[in-house]
Protein backbone atom coordinates (compact mmCIF):
# COMPACT_ATOMS: atom_id res chain seq x y z
CA UNK A 1 21.08 55.53 41.75
CA UNK A 2 18.84 54.30 38.99
CA UNK A 3 15.57 56.21 38.45
CA UNK A 4 12.73 54.44 39.57
CA UNK A 5 10.63 53.26 36.57
CA UNK A 6 6.70 53.83 36.08
CA UNK A 7 4.32 51.14 35.27
CA UNK A 8 2.48 52.79 32.28
CA UNK A 9 0.13 49.90 31.67
CA UNK A 10 -0.73 46.36 31.81
CA UNK A 11 -2.49 43.85 29.32
CA UNK A 12 -3.78 40.54 30.70
CA UNK A 13 -5.24 37.53 28.90
CA UNK A 14 -6.37 33.87 29.53
CA UNK A 15 -6.94 31.17 27.42
CA UNK A 16 -8.36 27.50 27.91
CA UNK A 17 -8.54 24.60 25.65
CA UNK A 18 -11.88 22.78 26.34
CA UNK A 19 -13.53 25.01 28.90
CA UNK A 20 -12.70 23.23 31.17
CA UNK A 21 -9.51 22.08 30.36
CA UNK A 22 -5.96 23.09 30.22
CA UNK A 23 -5.44 26.39 30.33
CA UNK A 24 -3.29 29.18 30.70
CA UNK A 25 -2.53 32.76 31.16
CA UNK A 26 -0.36 35.69 30.33
CA UNK A 27 0.14 39.69 31.74
CA UNK A 28 2.53 42.19 29.88
CA UNK A 29 3.42 44.92 31.88
CA UNK A 30 4.96 48.26 30.13
CA UNK A 31 7.35 50.93 31.74
CA UNK A 32 8.01 54.27 30.98
CA UNK A 33 11.39 53.81 29.70
CA UNK A 34 10.29 51.33 27.35
CA UNK A 35 10.84 48.16 29.11
CA UNK A 36 8.70 45.26 29.14
CA UNK A 37 7.98 42.41 32.05
CA UNK A 38 6.18 39.37 30.85
CA UNK A 39 4.43 36.88 33.10
CA UNK A 40 2.60 33.51 32.32
CA UNK A 41 1.73 30.04 33.58
CA UNK A 42 -0.31 26.90 32.90
CA UNK A 43 -2.86 25.06 34.83
CA UNK A 44 -3.65 21.69 34.40
CA UNK A 45 -7.87 21.71 34.69
CA UNK A 46 -9.25 25.13 34.59
CA UNK A 47 -11.81 27.37 32.78
CA UNK A 48 -11.63 30.52 30.43
CA UNK A 49 -12.44 32.73 33.04
CA UNK A 50 -10.20 31.46 35.73
CA UNK A 51 -7.38 31.93 33.67
CA UNK A 52 -8.85 35.81 32.84
CA UNK A 53 -8.93 36.14 36.58
CA UNK A 54 -5.48 34.64 37.46
CA UNK A 55 -3.77 36.82 34.89
CA UNK A 56 -5.32 40.27 36.37
CA UNK A 57 -4.39 39.04 39.89
CA UNK A 58 -0.71 38.37 38.91
CA UNK A 59 -0.48 41.60 37.42
CA UNK A 60 -2.25 43.46 40.22
CA UNK A 61 0.24 41.67 42.60
CA UNK A 62 3.16 42.73 40.89
CA UNK A 63 2.11 46.25 40.81
CA UNK A 64 1.37 46.24 44.74
CA UNK A 65 4.80 44.91 45.23
CA UNK A 66 6.47 47.54 43.10
CA UNK A 67 5.40 50.21 45.50
CA UNK A 68 3.92 52.35 42.50
CA UNK A 69 1.48 54.77 43.59
CA UNK A 70 0.89 56.35 40.29
CA UNK A 71 -2.28 55.35 38.23
CA UNK A 72 -2.12 52.68 35.48
CA UNK A 73 -4.64 51.29 33.08
CA UNK A 74 -5.38 47.58 32.73
CA UNK A 75 -6.39 46.48 29.45
CA UNK A 76 -8.12 43.12 29.19
CA UNK A 77 -10.60 41.74 26.41
CA UNK A 78 -12.86 39.70 29.11
CA UNK A 79 -15.98 41.87 30.08
CA UNK A 80 -16.79 39.12 32.41
CA UNK A 81 -13.50 40.25 34.52
CA UNK A 82 -14.24 43.60 34.27
CA UNK A 83 -17.58 43.39 35.19
CA UNK A 84 -16.93 41.13 38.48
CA UNK A 85 -14.42 43.64 39.52
CA UNK A 86 -16.21 46.91 38.83
CA UNK A 87 -19.81 46.04 39.10
CA UNK A 88 -21.05 42.76 40.49
CA UNK A 89 -18.49 42.19 43.48
CA UNK A 90 -19.92 44.61 45.73
CA UNK A 91 -23.81 43.34 45.46
CA UNK A 92 -22.12 39.53 45.98
CA UNK A 93 -20.47 40.46 48.70
CA UNK A 94 -23.62 42.13 50.60
CA UNK A 95 -25.40 38.82 49.88
CA UNK A 96 -22.64 36.99 51.25
CA UNK A 97 -21.52 35.67 48.07
CA UNK A 98 -24.81 34.77 46.34
CA UNK A 99 -26.02 35.38 43.00
CA UNK A 100 -29.50 36.87 42.50
CA UNK A 101 -31.01 33.26 42.38
CA UNK A 102 -29.67 32.33 45.75
CA UNK A 103 -26.79 30.11 43.72
CA UNK A 104 -22.65 30.55 44.92
CA UNK A 105 -21.14 33.16 42.63
CA UNK A 106 -18.82 31.22 40.45
CA UNK A 107 -14.98 31.58 41.12
CA UNK A 108 -15.56 33.09 44.54
CA UNK A 109 -11.81 32.37 45.83
CA UNK A 110 -10.31 34.60 43.00
CA UNK A 111 -12.61 37.34 43.14
CA UNK A 112 -12.06 37.57 46.54
CA UNK A 113 -8.46 38.21 45.83
CA UNK A 114 -9.07 40.35 42.97
CA UNK A 115 -11.13 42.73 45.21
CA UNK A 116 -8.48 42.93 47.76
CA UNK A 117 -6.17 43.79 45.16
CA UNK A 118 -8.43 46.53 43.43
CA UNK A 119 -8.30 49.99 43.86
CA UNK A 120 -8.97 53.69 42.36
CA UNK A 121 -5.05 53.44 41.20
CA UNK A 122 -6.31 50.91 38.80
CA UNK A 123 -8.72 52.13 35.51
CA UNK A 124 -9.99 48.71 33.89
CA UNK A 125 -10.09 49.04 30.19
CA UNK A 126 -11.40 46.53 27.77
CA UNK A 127 -9.67 46.31 24.52
CA UNK A 128 -11.10 43.99 21.69
CA UNK A 129 -9.53 40.74 20.98
CA UNK A 130 -7.78 39.57 18.20
CA UNK A 131 -7.76 43.26 17.07
CA UNK A 132 -4.24 43.76 16.23
CA UNK A 133 -3.36 45.35 19.31
CA UNK A 134 0.08 44.46 20.28
CA UNK A 135 -0.37 44.18 24.19
CA UNK A 136 -3.45 42.00 23.96
CA UNK A 137 -2.12 39.71 20.84
CA UNK A 138 1.18 38.88 23.28
CA UNK A 139 -0.71 38.18 25.93
CA UNK A 140 -3.02 35.84 24.03
CA UNK A 141 0.45 34.13 22.67
CA UNK A 142 1.47 33.44 25.99
CA UNK A 143 -1.82 32.20 27.45
CA UNK A 144 -2.37 30.08 24.54
CA UNK A 145 1.13 28.80 24.49
CA UNK A 146 0.84 27.60 28.14
CA UNK A 147 -2.83 26.12 27.59
CA UNK A 148 -1.10 24.15 24.81
CA UNK A 149 1.59 22.66 27.01
CA UNK A 150 4.60 24.71 25.49
CA UNK A 151 6.78 27.36 27.67
CA UNK A 152 6.92 30.25 25.84
CA UNK A 153 10.46 32.50 25.72
CA UNK A 154 9.28 35.30 28.39
CA UNK A 155 10.75 38.96 28.66
CA UNK A 156 11.40 39.48 32.19
CA UNK A 157 13.24 42.32 33.73
CA UNK A 158 14.49 43.04 37.19
CA UNK A 159 12.85 45.56 39.33
CA UNK A 160 14.49 48.67 41.03
CA UNK A 161 13.02 47.23 44.12
CA UNK A 162 14.95 44.20 45.48
CA UNK A 163 12.12 43.15 47.71
CA UNK A 164 9.66 43.13 44.80
CA UNK A 165 12.59 40.53 43.25
CA UNK A 166 12.22 38.10 46.10
CA UNK A 167 8.06 38.01 46.07
CA UNK A 168 7.46 37.78 42.71
CA UNK A 169 7.06 34.09 41.53
CA UNK A 170 8.01 34.08 38.09
CA UNK A 171 6.38 31.11 36.19
CA UNK A 172 9.04 30.94 33.41
CA UNK A 173 12.03 30.10 36.18
CA UNK A 174 11.69 26.33 36.43
CA UNK A 175 14.61 26.34 39.50
CA UNK A 176 12.21 28.52 41.42
CA UNK A 177 14.90 31.53 41.97
CA UNK A 178 12.69 34.48 41.99
CA UNK A 179 15.40 36.58 40.54
CA UNK A 180 14.47 38.23 37.40
CA UNK A 181 16.45 38.50 34.16
CA UNK A 182 18.24 42.04 33.19
CA UNK A 183 17.81 42.72 29.71
CA UNK A 184 19.67 45.60 27.82
CA UNK A 185 18.61 48.22 25.41
CA UNK A 186 19.62 46.12 22.54
CA UNK A 187 17.66 42.68 23.69
CA UNK A 188 14.31 44.97 24.41
CA UNK A 189 14.76 46.60 20.53
CA UNK A 190 14.86 43.02 19.04
CA UNK A 191 11.94 42.01 21.34
CA UNK A 192 9.59 45.06 20.23
CA UNK A 193 11.15 44.02 16.26
CA UNK A 194 9.68 40.32 17.32
CA UNK A 195 6.28 41.77 18.32
CA UNK A 196 5.77 44.12 15.12
CA UNK A 197 6.09 41.29 12.32
CA UNK A 198 5.94 44.45 9.55
CA UNK A 199 9.07 45.56 11.50
CA UNK A 200 11.53 42.61 11.58
CA UNK A 201 14.71 43.39 9.48
CA UNK A 202 17.46 40.91 11.07
CA UNK A 203 17.31 37.16 11.50
CA UNK A 204 17.87 37.83 15.18
CA UNK A 205 14.53 39.09 15.39
CA UNK A 206 12.86 36.57 13.21
CA UNK A 207 14.50 33.97 15.61
CA UNK A 208 13.09 35.56 18.56
CA UNK A 209 9.26 35.40 16.77
CA UNK A 210 10.04 31.90 16.13
CA UNK A 211 10.76 30.58 18.90
CA UNK A 212 7.89 32.47 20.92
CA UNK A 213 4.60 32.51 18.71
CA UNK A 214 5.36 30.07 15.50
CA UNK A 215 6.85 27.03 16.91
CA UNK A 216 5.78 24.04 15.19
CA UNK A 217 4.23 22.50 18.40
CA UNK A 218 2.04 25.79 18.83
CA UNK A 219 0.67 25.49 15.24
CA UNK A 220 -0.16 21.71 15.55
CA UNK A 221 -1.86 22.18 18.74
CA UNK A 222 -3.74 25.52 17.31
CA UNK A 223 -4.80 23.15 14.11
CA UNK A 224 -6.11 20.52 16.53
CA UNK A 225 -7.93 22.68 18.27
CA UNK A 226 -9.75 24.27 15.35
CA UNK A 227 -10.50 20.97 13.78
CA UNK A 228 -12.07 20.07 17.30
CA UNK A 229 -13.87 23.42 17.15
CA UNK A 230 -15.59 22.37 13.60
CA UNK A 231 -16.53 19.34 14.46
CA UNK A 232 -18.51 20.46 17.42
CA UNK A 233 -20.01 23.07 15.09
CA UNK A 234 -20.96 20.31 12.36
CA UNK A 235 -22.53 18.23 15.15
CA UNK A 236 -24.60 21.03 16.47
CA UNK A 237 -25.91 22.28 13.09
CA UNK A 238 -26.66 18.26 11.92
CA UNK A 239 -28.33 17.41 15.30
CA UNK A 240 -30.49 20.83 14.90
CA UNK A 241 -29.64 22.13 18.56
CA UNK A 242 -30.00 25.59 19.54
CA UNK A 243 -27.29 27.70 21.03
CA UNK A 244 -27.24 30.99 22.83
CA UNK A 245 -25.18 33.91 21.77
CA UNK A 246 -22.64 33.77 24.22
CA UNK A 247 -21.97 29.80 23.71
CA UNK A 248 -21.69 30.84 19.92
CA UNK A 249 -19.30 33.46 21.07
CA UNK A 250 -17.51 30.40 22.63
CA UNK A 251 -17.38 28.32 19.77
CA UNK A 252 -16.09 31.31 17.50
CA UNK A 253 -13.66 32.34 19.64
CA UNK A 254 -15.07 35.69 19.65
CA UNK A 255 -16.47 38.49 22.08
CA UNK A 256 -20.38 38.09 22.32
CA UNK A 257 -21.14 41.79 20.82
CA UNK A 258 -19.56 40.07 17.97
CA UNK A 259 -22.25 37.68 17.51
CA UNK A 260 -25.38 39.95 17.88
CA UNK A 261 -24.03 43.00 15.94
CA UNK A 262 -23.89 40.95 12.64
CA UNK A 263 -27.70 40.88 12.55
CA UNK A 264 -29.96 37.94 11.94
CA UNK A 265 -28.54 35.81 9.44
CA UNK A 266 -25.08 35.49 8.43
CA UNK A 267 -22.07 33.26 7.57
CA UNK A 268 -19.13 31.91 9.54
CA UNK A 269 -16.66 29.22 8.23
CA UNK A 270 -18.97 26.46 6.67
CA UNK A 271 -21.78 27.73 8.49
CA UNK A 272 -24.93 30.02 7.84
CA UNK A 273 -26.06 31.34 11.33
CA UNK A 274 -29.47 32.26 11.73
CA UNK A 275 -31.51 33.94 14.86
CA UNK A 276 -34.37 31.85 15.45
CA UNK A 277 -35.86 33.41 18.85
CA UNK A 278 -35.24 34.99 22.30
CA UNK A 279 -35.88 32.95 25.11
CA UNK A 280 -35.74 35.44 28.53
CA UNK A 281 -32.50 37.57 28.14
CA UNK A 282 -30.96 35.05 25.83
CA UNK A 283 -30.92 34.86 21.83
CA UNK A 284 -30.93 31.20 20.37
CA UNK A 285 -29.11 30.66 17.45
CA UNK A 286 -29.44 27.33 14.67
CA UNK A 287 -26.78 26.49 12.35
CA UNK A 288 -26.61 25.06 9.28
CA UNK A 289 -24.06 23.82 6.54
CA UNK A 290 -23.86 26.44 4.21
CA UNK A 291 -22.87 24.01 1.49
CA UNK A 292 -26.25 22.19 1.87
CA UNK A 293 -28.07 25.17 1.99
CA UNK A 294 -26.62 26.20 -1.19
CA UNK A 295 -27.30 22.83 -2.88
CA UNK A 296 -30.64 22.89 -1.65
CA UNK A 297 -31.43 26.20 -3.44
CA UNK A 298 -30.03 25.03 -6.78
CA UNK A 299 -32.33 22.24 -6.90
């Protein structure tokens, strides 16, 4: 009998183009024997927060059906997700799923599922996004690929628990068959090389990386998304709109703390970002085209 593998850590992430718009989620599960299991799925119309939640739900369902009792760490770059599950959900349930202002809690359907799956076995850990963390970067690549309408190649290992194989629905298996692919040690080694660009030393590993994260379709979709983001920023600047820290963070695709920690005035791409004032709990920011500001100073 083969030894039972232990899940050591889980990474999850969600992505959305448009927010709301087409979205995707990704989850990567790391085992004690060095093997990896990846999951992901697309959604035609959704939000980024819902995709973050769906990724965590899928990962925790996988953990639940594995029968593991040992504690694990779930890493996510969504503070919203962590706060929902570890802080806010208790009060929301006590108030009949109402917020302090009496309005219904958003995403209640997914929060109910998450609350049922959560336990002391799981430690929720924030990890900064787009900071070079291999697990987080891989989840992000999977989620963005699905959000952009492509199907990334996923590493999917078979479980020691046969019931687990029958219960987990794998998004990458198109014919509905839930049997997982078994990978050998050499294939797993190639996958690790593909995840770490600095360690690629074979044409096979390069091919894996190319097919998963650097296909021309994904690159073009990312460029189109970037152009749309820059167009929106230009319109905000041209019309003198003031935006909140969270809105600015969404525009820049960074965590909100990356906005508030930069000071009262700083540069982002083509724009000078300036703190204008505080309204209640929100800081309002103004965008000005940096090249225009520079020209005015010269004149």
